[in-house]
Amino acid sequence: MQEIERRRFLRLAGAGALAAAGTGLLAACGGGGTEAGATATTVAGATKKSGNRKVRLGFIALTDCASIVMAKELGYFAERDLDVSVEKQASWPATRDALLTGGIDGAHCLFGMPFAVASGLGGGAPSQALKIAMMINNNGQAITLSKDFAAVGYGDLDKAGAALESKSPTLAMTFPGGTHDIWLRYWLRATGADESAIKIIPIPPPQMVANMNVGTMDGFCVGEPWGAVAAQQGIGFTHITSQDIWKHHPEKALVVNERFATERADVLKDVMGAVLKASKWLDDLDNRARTADVIGAAAYVNAPAVEILGRLKGEYELGAGIPDKTYTDDYMVFHRDGEVNAPRRAHALWWLAQFQRLGLQATAPITTALPEALILQDLYEEVAAAEGVDVPDDDMAPFDVALDGATFDPTKPDEEAKRP
């Protein structure tokens, strides 16, 4: 534990120096809280924590915001003396801006956003101020195509490529360099379609279905429940899910700004502990009906619980007359005995390799420097130990991506970046 603490101190101290030199925005604009980490005092036999315990967490109207929302609704934040407000954001760019300016302290966020922002793909000047504290889910995204492409069916890459070649389609994702952008572009590459003839635009997740309905685009990649909503309303159909692209892929993360991570680390650790507890609760399928009811409310996802619950349980109505599909162990998961929640450098290196491979960024050597600057790995290990959660030992282990049968070796990311 002392070694973990020493490594975390060195990492955060280095990050603080970097921020002072190049990302003074946070210091100038302020954060959700301004006091140092809380201290503990004993009152009437119970441990109470003093100091600034107010935290502002953002989220987007997606099913995978559930661990943040349920930690609030189940009282897991309150039982740690945290005063947490959970605040809906209009879009991923709005989430990015609120994090950078200190309007919120942390957020349910795309795993790829910190890397996109640091690489200059995510809008504005490159900044390393967004930190990944922990992961909050795997799986549960989907590529939806317009009903006009119904003959393509489910998961047929050859038919999809031919259909895309038959016109110059417009496809939507949610944030440049984010998870939905990468799933969409990775799938496109696998179809063999002429990518130069395809237009890709950003649309906020809750607006996807409405935009497809009026013909703004021919397909989109987004998280649930919006794929399910499109299928159930007969507007489009699910062509492939992200877990069919890469089973148990990283998806959303708890992303925090640098000020929260450096100045209120004790408070952040309590937030992470509460989210871990909610993650365990969510992976009990008996709790998913209640989850759908809660997050379906207008204040959260604003969608009928029935349109959320099916895919939360792995039961997919695909639409367009395609037979339903049931997932038994690779639907949306939030904990998986700790396998979900540990952020891995190997996943970050894969992401950086895709930026280059898929034409989003010029070729350059890829090293572990950026993942180590953006992932609060030692902090997560400390919280996991305190919560009795095992940390997997595969941080830099190779892994397979099922869609195209590729194996990624994180010690050789440049090879992936150069792969056709």
Protein backbone atom coordinates (compact mmCIF):
# COMPACT_ATOMS: atom_id res chain seq x y z
CA MET A 1 0.00 0.00 0.00
CA GLN A 2 2.86 2.42 0.76
CA GLU A 3 4.28 1.76 -2.73
CA ILE A 4 0.88 2.48 -4.31
CA GLU A 5 0.62 5.73 -2.35
CA ARG A 6 4.16 6.74 -3.32
CA ARG A 7 3.50 6.08 -7.01
CA ARG A 8 0.20 7.95 -6.89
CA PHE A 9 1.84 10.96 -5.24
CA LEU A 10 4.54 11.09 -7.90
CA ARG A 11 2.00 10.80 -10.71
CA LEU A 12 -0.32 13.48 -9.37
CA ALA A 13 2.58 15.76 -8.50
CA GLY A 14 3.87 15.43 -12.06
CA ALA A 15 0.39 16.03 -13.47
CA GLY A 16 0.06 19.15 -11.31
CA ALA A 17 3.32 20.51 -12.66
CA LEU A 18 2.16 19.84 -16.20
CA ALA A 19 -1.12 21.64 -15.56
CA ALA A 20 0.69 24.66 -14.13
CA ALA A 21 2.80 24.85 -17.27
CA GLY A 22 0.25 24.16 -19.96
CA THR A 23 -3.34 23.86 -18.73
CA GLY A 24 -3.92 26.71 -16.32
CA LEU A 25 -7.55 26.86 -17.39
CA LEU A 26 -8.77 24.87 -14.41
CA ALA A 27 -6.94 26.97 -11.86
CA ALA A 28 -8.27 30.14 -13.44
CA CYS A 29 -11.87 29.02 -13.69
CA GLY A 30 -12.30 27.03 -10.50
CA GLY A 31 -13.87 23.65 -9.82
CA GLY A 32 -16.88 22.18 -8.15
CA GLY A 33 -14.99 22.42 -4.88
CA THR A 34 -12.07 24.48 -3.69
CA GLU A 35 -11.07 22.98 -0.36
CA ALA A 36 -8.52 20.28 0.29
CA GLY A 37 -9.53 16.67 0.94
CA ALA A 38 -11.78 15.99 3.89
CA THR A 39 -10.59 14.90 7.31
CA ALA A 40 -12.29 12.43 9.63
CA THR A 41 -13.68 13.17 13.10
CA THR A 42 -15.61 10.92 15.43
CA VAL A 43 -19.04 12.08 16.54
CA ALA A 44 -21.17 10.01 18.93
CA GLY A 45 -19.36 6.83 17.98
CA ALA A 46 -19.77 7.32 14.21
CA THR A 47 -17.15 8.50 11.74
CA LYS A 48 -18.08 11.81 10.16
CA LYS A 49 -15.99 13.58 7.57
CA SER A 50 -15.49 17.32 7.54
CA GLY A 51 -14.29 19.62 4.78
CA ASN A 52 -15.84 20.23 1.39
CA ARG A 53 -17.91 17.14 0.62
CA LYS A 54 -19.88 18.66 -2.28
CA VAL A 55 -19.32 17.02 -5.64
CA ARG A 56 -20.90 17.74 -9.01
CA LEU A 57 -21.04 14.79 -11.42
CA GLY A 58 -22.26 15.05 -14.99
CA PHE A 59 -23.91 12.40 -17.11
CA ILE A 60 -25.41 11.95 -20.57
CA ALA A 61 -28.84 10.40 -21.10
CA LEU A 62 -27.62 6.86 -21.74
CA THR A 63 -28.31 3.58 -19.98
CA ASP A 64 -24.69 3.28 -18.90
CA CYS A 65 -24.99 6.31 -16.64
CA ALA A 66 -26.63 3.85 -14.24
CA SER A 67 -23.76 3.38 -11.78
CA ILE A 68 -23.53 7.13 -11.14
CA VAL A 69 -27.30 7.59 -10.92
CA MET A 70 -27.91 4.53 -8.76
CA ALA A 71 -25.05 5.43 -6.39
CA LYS A 72 -27.01 8.64 -5.83
CA GLU A 73 -30.48 7.07 -5.68
CA LEU A 74 -29.46 4.16 -3.44
CA GLY A 75 -27.79 6.49 -0.96
CA TYR A 76 -24.27 5.17 -1.53
CA PHE A 77 -22.83 8.66 -1.86
CA ALA A 78 -24.72 9.90 1.20
CA GLU A 79 -23.52 7.03 3.39
CA ARG A 80 -19.97 8.29 2.79
CA ASP A 81 -20.96 11.81 3.82
CA LEU A 82 -20.84 13.00 0.23
CA ASP A 83 -23.17 15.71 -1.03
CA VAL A 84 -23.32 14.73 -4.69
CA SER A 85 -25.42 16.41 -7.35
CA VAL A 86 -25.90 14.38 -10.54
CA GLU A 87 -26.37 16.76 -13.44
CA LYS A 88 -27.57 15.99 -16.97
CA GLN A 89 -25.34 17.35 -19.74
CA ALA A 90 -26.62 18.30 -23.18
CA SER A 91 -23.84 16.64 -25.19
CA TRP A 92 -20.34 15.22 -24.93
CA PRO A 93 -18.75 18.54 -25.95
CA ALA A 94 -20.75 20.20 -23.18
CA THR A 95 -19.48 17.56 -20.76
CA ARG A 96 -15.91 18.17 -21.89
CA ASP A 97 -16.25 21.92 -21.41
CA ALA A 98 -17.86 21.59 -17.98
CA LEU A 99 -15.02 19.33 -16.85
CA LEU A 100 -12.32 21.63 -18.20
CA THR A 101 -13.79 24.80 -16.70
CA GLY A 102 -14.68 23.22 -13.36
CA GLY A 103 -18.44 23.47 -13.85
CA ILE A 104 -18.52 19.81 -12.81
CA ASP A 105 -15.91 17.78 -10.94
CA GLY A 106 -16.36 14.50 -12.76
CA ALA A 107 -18.64 12.72 -15.18
CA HIS A 108 -19.94 9.53 -16.72
CA CYS A 109 -17.81 9.90 -19.80
CA LEU A 110 -16.56 8.26 -22.98
CA PHE A 111 -13.38 6.28 -22.33
CA GLY A 112 -11.85 7.83 -25.43
CA MET A 113 -12.59 11.45 -24.55
CA PRO A 114 -9.50 12.17 -22.41
CA PHE A 115 -7.27 10.75 -25.15
CA ALA A 116 -9.12 12.68 -27.87
CA VAL A 117 -8.83 15.93 -25.91
CA ALA A 118 -5.14 15.32 -25.14
CA SER A 119 -4.48 14.50 -28.81
CA GLY A 120 -6.26 17.57 -30.14
CA LEU A 121 -9.11 15.59 -31.74
CA GLY A 122 -11.75 16.52 -29.21
CA GLY A 123 -11.98 20.25 -29.88
CA GLY A 124 -9.88 23.13 -28.60
CA ALA A 125 -6.23 23.14 -27.62
CA PRO A 126 -4.78 19.78 -26.54
CA SER A 127 -5.07 19.31 -22.79
CA GLN A 128 -4.15 16.54 -20.37
CA ALA A 129 -6.49 17.87 -17.69
CA LEU A 130 -9.08 15.06 -18.01
CA LYS A 131 -8.22 12.01 -15.92
CA ILE A 132 -9.69 8.51 -15.91
CA ALA A 133 -10.38 7.47 -12.32
CA MET A 134 -12.07 4.14 -13.09
CA MET A 135 -14.15 2.34 -15.69
CA ILE A 136 -17.91 2.06 -15.19
CA ASN A 137 -19.12 -0.34 -17.88
CA ASN A 138 -18.32 -2.74 -20.71
CA ASN A 139 -20.45 -3.50 -23.78
CA GLY A 140 -23.92 -2.20 -24.62
CA GLN A 141 -23.43 0.10 -27.62
CA ALA A 142 -24.74 -0.57 -31.12
CA ILE A 143 -24.57 0.46 -34.75
CA THR A 144 -28.07 1.20 -36.03
CA LEU A 145 -28.87 1.44 -39.72
CA SER A 146 -31.92 3.00 -41.34
CA LYS A 147 -34.80 0.68 -42.16
CA ASP A 148 -33.91 1.33 -45.82
CA PHE A 149 -30.89 -0.95 -45.29
CA ALA A 150 -32.92 -3.78 -43.77
CA ALA A 151 -31.67 -6.31 -46.33
CA VAL A 152 -28.19 -6.02 -44.79
CA GLY A 153 -29.39 -7.94 -41.74
CA TYR A 154 -27.41 -8.56 -38.59
CA GLY A 155 -23.62 -8.55 -38.55
CA ASP A 156 -23.04 -9.28 -42.26
CA LEU A 157 -20.00 -7.16 -43.12
CA ASP A 158 -20.04 -7.98 -46.84
CA LYS A 159 -23.68 -6.96 -47.25
CA ALA A 160 -23.09 -3.84 -45.19
CA GLY A 161 -20.12 -2.85 -47.33
CA ALA A 162 -22.09 -3.36 -50.54
CA ALA A 163 -25.04 -1.35 -49.23
CA LEU A 164 -22.79 1.51 -48.17
CA GLU A 165 -21.16 1.49 -51.60
CA SER A 166 -24.58 1.82 -53.25
CA LYS A 167 -24.92 5.39 -52.04
CA SER A 168 -22.87 8.05 -50.28
CA PRO A 169 -24.36 7.71 -46.81
CA THR A 170 -24.12 9.95 -43.79
CA LEU A 171 -23.43 8.21 -40.48
CA ALA A 172 -23.47 9.70 -37.00
CA MET A 173 -21.44 9.23 -33.84
CA THR A 174 -21.34 11.25 -30.64
CA PHE A 175 -17.85 12.76 -30.20
CA PRO A 176 -14.69 12.75 -32.34
CA GLY A 177 -12.30 10.11 -30.99
CA GLY A 178 -14.86 8.82 -28.51
CA THR A 179 -16.01 5.25 -28.18
CA HIS A 180 -18.91 5.52 -30.64
CA ASP A 181 -16.68 7.18 -33.21
CA ILE A 182 -14.10 4.40 -32.95
CA TRP A 183 -16.66 1.56 -33.06
CA LEU A 184 -18.22 3.12 -36.16
CA ARG A 185 -14.94 3.69 -37.98
CA TYR A 186 -13.52 0.28 -37.00
CA TRP A 187 -16.66 -1.40 -38.35
CA LEU A 188 -16.49 0.65 -41.55
CA ARG A 189 -12.91 -0.44 -42.13
CA ALA A 190 -13.96 -4.07 -41.65
CA THR A 191 -16.77 -3.76 -44.22
CA GLY A 192 -14.30 -2.73 -46.92
CA ALA A 193 -16.49 0.22 -47.95
CA ASP A 194 -14.91 3.31 -49.46
CA GLU A 195 -14.53 5.45 -46.36
CA SER A 196 -13.82 8.59 -48.38
CA ALA A 197 -17.37 8.47 -49.77
CA ILE A 198 -18.99 8.31 -46.32
CA LYS A 199 -19.74 11.39 -44.26
CA ILE A 200 -19.49 11.06 -40.46
CA ILE A 201 -21.13 13.68 -38.27
CA PRO A 202 -21.49 14.20 -34.48
CA ILE A 203 -24.99 14.12 -32.94
CA PRO A 204 -25.83 14.14 -29.19
CA PRO A 205 -27.04 10.68 -28.06
CA PRO A 206 -30.64 11.62 -27.14
CA GLN A 207 -31.10 13.26 -30.56
CA MET A 208 -30.04 10.27 -32.65
CA VAL A 209 -33.45 8.70 -33.21
CA ALA A 210 -35.18 11.98 -34.08
CA ASN A 211 -32.43 12.85 -36.57
CA MET A 212 -32.66 9.47 -38.27
CA ASN A 213 -36.43 9.81 -38.43
CA VAL A 214 -36.12 13.03 -40.47
CA GLY A 215 -33.37 11.65 -42.68
CA THR A 216 -30.38 13.52 -41.29
CA MET A 217 -28.32 10.32 -41.45
CA ASP A 218 -28.50 6.73 -42.64
CA GLY A 219 -26.99 5.11 -39.57
CA PHE A 220 -25.53 5.87 -36.19
CA CYS A 221 -23.47 4.45 -33.38
CA VAL A 222 -24.54 5.27 -29.84
CA GLY A 223 -25.19 3.72 -26.46
CA GLU A 224 -28.49 2.35 -25.27
CA PRO A 225 -31.37 2.87 -25.05
CA TRP A 226 -31.33 4.75 -28.34
CA GLY A 227 -30.59 1.71 -30.51
CA ALA A 228 -33.50 -0.08 -28.87
CA VAL A 229 -35.77 2.94 -29.31
CA ALA A 230 -34.98 3.14 -33.04
CA ALA A 231 -35.74 -0.57 -33.48
CA GLN A 232 -38.95 -0.50 -31.44
CA GLN A 233 -40.23 2.57 -33.29
CA GLY A 234 -39.49 0.99 -36.68
CA ILE A 235 -37.09 3.77 -37.65
CA GLY A 236 -34.00 1.59 -37.92
CA PHE A 237 -32.53 -1.73 -36.87
CA THR A 238 -29.53 -2.90 -34.90
CA HIS A 239 -26.93 -4.11 -37.39
CA ILE A 240 -24.27 -5.03 -34.84
CA THR A 241 -23.52 -4.43 -31.16
CA SER A 242 -20.22 -3.24 -29.78
CA GLN A 243 -19.79 -6.45 -27.79
CA ASP A 244 -19.85 -8.30 -31.12
CA ILE A 245 -17.04 -6.04 -32.27
CA TRP A 246 -14.98 -6.56 -29.09
CA LYS A 247 -16.39 -8.52 -26.17
CA HIS A 248 -16.02 -6.72 -22.83
CA HIS A 249 -14.50 -3.63 -24.40
CA PRO A 250 -13.95 -0.49 -22.32
CA GLU A 251 -16.85 1.91 -22.73
CA LYS A 252 -17.66 4.62 -20.19
CA ALA A 253 -15.33 5.84 -17.47
CA LEU A 254 -15.55 8.05 -14.43
CA VAL A 255 -13.55 11.00 -15.75
CA VAL A 256 -12.53 13.82 -13.43
CA ASN A 257 -10.76 17.10 -13.89
CA GLU A 258 -7.24 17.57 -12.63
CA ARG A 259 -8.22 19.89 -9.83
CA PHE A 260 -10.55 17.33 -8.27
CA ALA A 261 -7.92 14.61 -8.60
CA THR A 262 -5.11 16.63 -7.06
CA GLU A 263 -6.79 18.83 -4.47
CA ARG A 264 -9.56 16.54 -3.20
CA ALA A 265 -8.24 13.04 -3.73
CA ASP A 266 -9.79 11.78 -0.47
CA VAL A 267 -13.22 12.91 -1.63
CA LEU A 268 -12.65 11.36 -5.06
CA LYS A 269 -11.75 8.05 -3.42
CA ASP A 270 -15.09 8.06 -1.58
CA VAL A 271 -16.91 8.83 -4.84
CA MET A 272 -15.14 5.90 -6.49
CA GLY A 273 -15.98 3.60 -3.58
CA ALA A 274 -19.65 4.49 -3.85
CA VAL A 275 -19.65 3.91 -7.62
CA LEU A 276 -17.96 0.54 -7.12
CA LYS A 277 -20.69 -0.44 -4.67
CA ALA A 278 -23.37 0.61 -7.16
CA SER A 279 -21.56 -1.32 -9.90
CA LYS A 280 -21.76 -4.53 -7.88
CA TRP A 281 -25.45 -3.92 -7.21
CA LEU A 282 -26.16 -3.35 -10.89
CA ASP A 283 -24.63 -6.65 -11.96
CA ASP A 284 -27.32 -8.52 -10.04
CA LEU A 285 -29.88 -8.97 -12.82
CA ASP A 286 -32.66 -8.95 -10.23
CA ASN A 287 -31.90 -5.25 -9.77
CA ARG A 288 -32.15 -4.25 -13.39
CA ALA A 289 -35.91 -3.73 -13.54
CA ARG A 290 -35.65 -1.24 -10.71
CA THR A 291 -32.70 0.37 -12.47
CA ALA A 292 -34.69 0.81 -15.68
CA ASP A 293 -37.53 2.43 -13.74
CA VAL A 294 -35.18 4.86 -11.99
CA ILE A 295 -32.97 5.91 -14.87
CA GLY A 296 -35.90 6.09 -17.28
CA ALA A 297 -37.23 9.15 -15.43
CA ALA A 298 -37.24 12.51 -17.21
CA ALA A 299 -34.46 13.78 -14.98
CA TYR A 300 -32.17 11.03 -16.22
CA VAL A 301 -32.47 9.13 -19.54
CA ASN A 302 -36.07 10.17 -20.26
CA ALA A 303 -37.13 6.97 -22.02
CA PRO A 304 -39.74 4.31 -21.19
CA ALA A 305 -38.39 1.72 -18.77
CA VAL A 306 -39.49 -1.08 -21.12
CA GLU A 307 -37.21 0.32 -23.84
CA ILE A 308 -34.30 0.30 -21.39
CA LEU A 309 -34.83 -2.99 -19.58
CA GLY A 310 -34.68 -5.47 -22.46
CA ARG A 311 -31.14 -4.70 -23.51
CA LEU A 312 -30.05 -4.23 -19.89
CA LYS A 313 -30.95 -7.90 -19.51
CA GLY A 314 -29.32 -8.92 -22.79
CA GLU A 315 -32.62 -9.36 -24.65
CA TYR A 316 -32.34 -7.55 -27.98
CA GLU A 317 -35.25 -6.82 -30.29
CA LEU A 318 -33.20 -5.95 -33.37
CA GLY A 319 -35.95 -4.51 -35.57
CA ALA A 320 -36.67 -4.80 -39.33
CA GLY A 321 -37.96 -8.34 -38.89
CA ILE A 322 -34.54 -9.68 -37.88
CA PRO A 323 -34.85 -12.44 -35.24
CA ASP A 324 -34.31 -11.32 -31.66
CA LYS A 325 -30.89 -11.94 -30.16
CA THR A 326 -30.11 -12.87 -26.56
CA TYR A 327 -26.77 -12.21 -24.91
CA THR A 328 -25.97 -14.39 -21.92
CA ASP A 329 -22.69 -13.05 -20.57
CA ASP A 330 -21.78 -10.04 -22.69
CA TYR A 331 -24.67 -7.64 -22.33
CA MET A 332 -23.95 -4.34 -20.57
CA VAL A 333 -21.99 -5.06 -17.40
CA PHE A 334 -20.83 -2.72 -14.66
CA HIS A 335 -18.53 -4.75 -12.37
CA ARG A 336 -17.83 -8.36 -13.36
CA ASP A 337 -15.91 -9.03 -10.13
CA GLY A 338 -13.74 -6.00 -10.77
CA GLU A 339 -12.84 -6.87 -14.36
CA VAL A 340 -14.90 -3.92 -15.63
CA ASN A 341 -13.68 -1.20 -13.33
CA ALA A 342 -9.89 -1.36 -13.62
CA PRO A 343 -8.58 1.07 -16.27
CA ARG A 344 -5.88 -0.54 -18.41
CA ARG A 345 -2.95 1.01 -20.23
CA ALA A 346 -3.28 -1.63 -22.98
CA HIS A 347 -6.77 -0.36 -23.82
CA ALA A 348 -5.49 3.21 -23.96
CA LEU A 349 -2.66 2.22 -26.30
CA TRP A 350 -5.16 0.47 -28.58
CA TRP A 351 -7.18 3.67 -28.65
CA LEU A 352 -4.19 5.78 -29.61
CA ALA A 353 -3.31 3.26 -32.31
CA GLN A 354 -6.84 3.53 -33.76
CA PHE A 355 -6.55 7.32 -33.96
CA GLN A 356 -3.72 6.76 -36.43
CA ARG A 357 -4.96 3.60 -38.13
CA LEU A 358 -8.39 5.09 -38.87
CA GLY A 359 -7.00 8.37 -40.17
CA LEU A 360 -7.90 10.68 -37.30
CA GLN A 361 -4.31 11.59 -36.46
CA ALA A 362 -0.98 11.64 -38.25
CA THR A 363 1.37 8.74 -37.63
CA ALA A 364 3.74 9.19 -34.69
CA PRO A 365 5.42 6.86 -32.17
CA ILE A 366 2.98 5.62 -29.53
CA THR A 367 4.28 5.22 -25.98
CA THR A 368 2.80 4.64 -22.54
CA ALA A 369 3.48 8.26 -21.56
CA LEU A 370 -0.02 9.55 -22.33
CA PRO A 371 -1.90 6.62 -20.76
CA GLU A 372 0.21 6.99 -17.63
CA ALA A 373 -0.51 10.74 -17.50
CA LEU A 374 -4.27 10.34 -17.95
CA ILE A 375 -5.12 7.14 -16.06
CA LEU A 376 -5.17 7.35 -12.25
CA GLN A 377 -4.27 3.71 -12.03
CA ASP A 378 -2.62 3.80 -8.61
CA LEU A 379 -5.57 5.67 -7.14
CA TYR A 380 -7.94 3.03 -8.49
CA GLU A 381 -5.80 0.25 -7.02
CA GLU A 382 -5.93 1.95 -3.63
CA VAL A 383 -9.72 2.30 -3.74
CA ALA A 384 -10.18 -1.27 -4.98
CA ALA A 385 -8.06 -2.58 -2.09
CA ALA A 386 -10.12 -0.61 0.41
CA GLU A 387 -13.35 -1.95 -1.11
CA GLY A 388 -12.16 -5.56 -1.27
CA VAL A 389 -12.21 -5.63 -5.08
CA ASP A 390 -9.56 -7.64 -6.91
CA VAL A 391 -7.51 -5.80 -9.53
CA PRO A 392 -6.92 -7.92 -12.66
CA ASP A 393 -3.30 -8.52 -13.65
CA ASP A 394 -3.79 -7.91 -17.39
CA ASP A 395 -2.95 -4.20 -17.56
CA MET A 396 -0.55 -4.72 -20.47
CA ALA A 397 -1.75 -8.11 -21.72
CA PRO A 398 -2.51 -8.71 -25.43
CA PHE A 399 -6.17 -9.10 -26.40
CA ASP A 400 -8.30 -10.02 -29.42
CA VAL A 401 -10.86 -7.93 -31.28
CA ALA A 402 -13.44 -10.34 -32.67
CA LEU A 403 -14.82 -8.29 -35.57
CA ASP A 404 -11.74 -8.67 -37.76
CA GLY A 405 -9.87 -11.30 -35.77
CA ALA A 406 -7.06 -8.91 -34.87
CA THR A 407 -4.77 -9.46 -31.88
CA PHE A 408 -3.39 -6.33 -30.24
CA ASP A 409 0.00 -6.46 -28.55
CA PRO A 410 0.29 -3.36 -26.33
CA THR A 411 4.08 -3.58 -26.46
CA LYS A 412 3.86 -2.99 -30.24
CA PRO A 413 1.13 -0.35 -30.71
CA ASP A 414 2.78 1.08 -33.81
CA GLU A 415 2.14 -2.19 -35.65
CA GLU A 416 -1.59 -1.80 -35.02
CA ALA A 417 -1.48 1.83 -36.10
CA LYS A 418 -0.02 0.77 -39.46
CA ARG A 419 -2.39 -2.16 -40.01
CA PRO A 420 -4.72 -1.74 -43.02
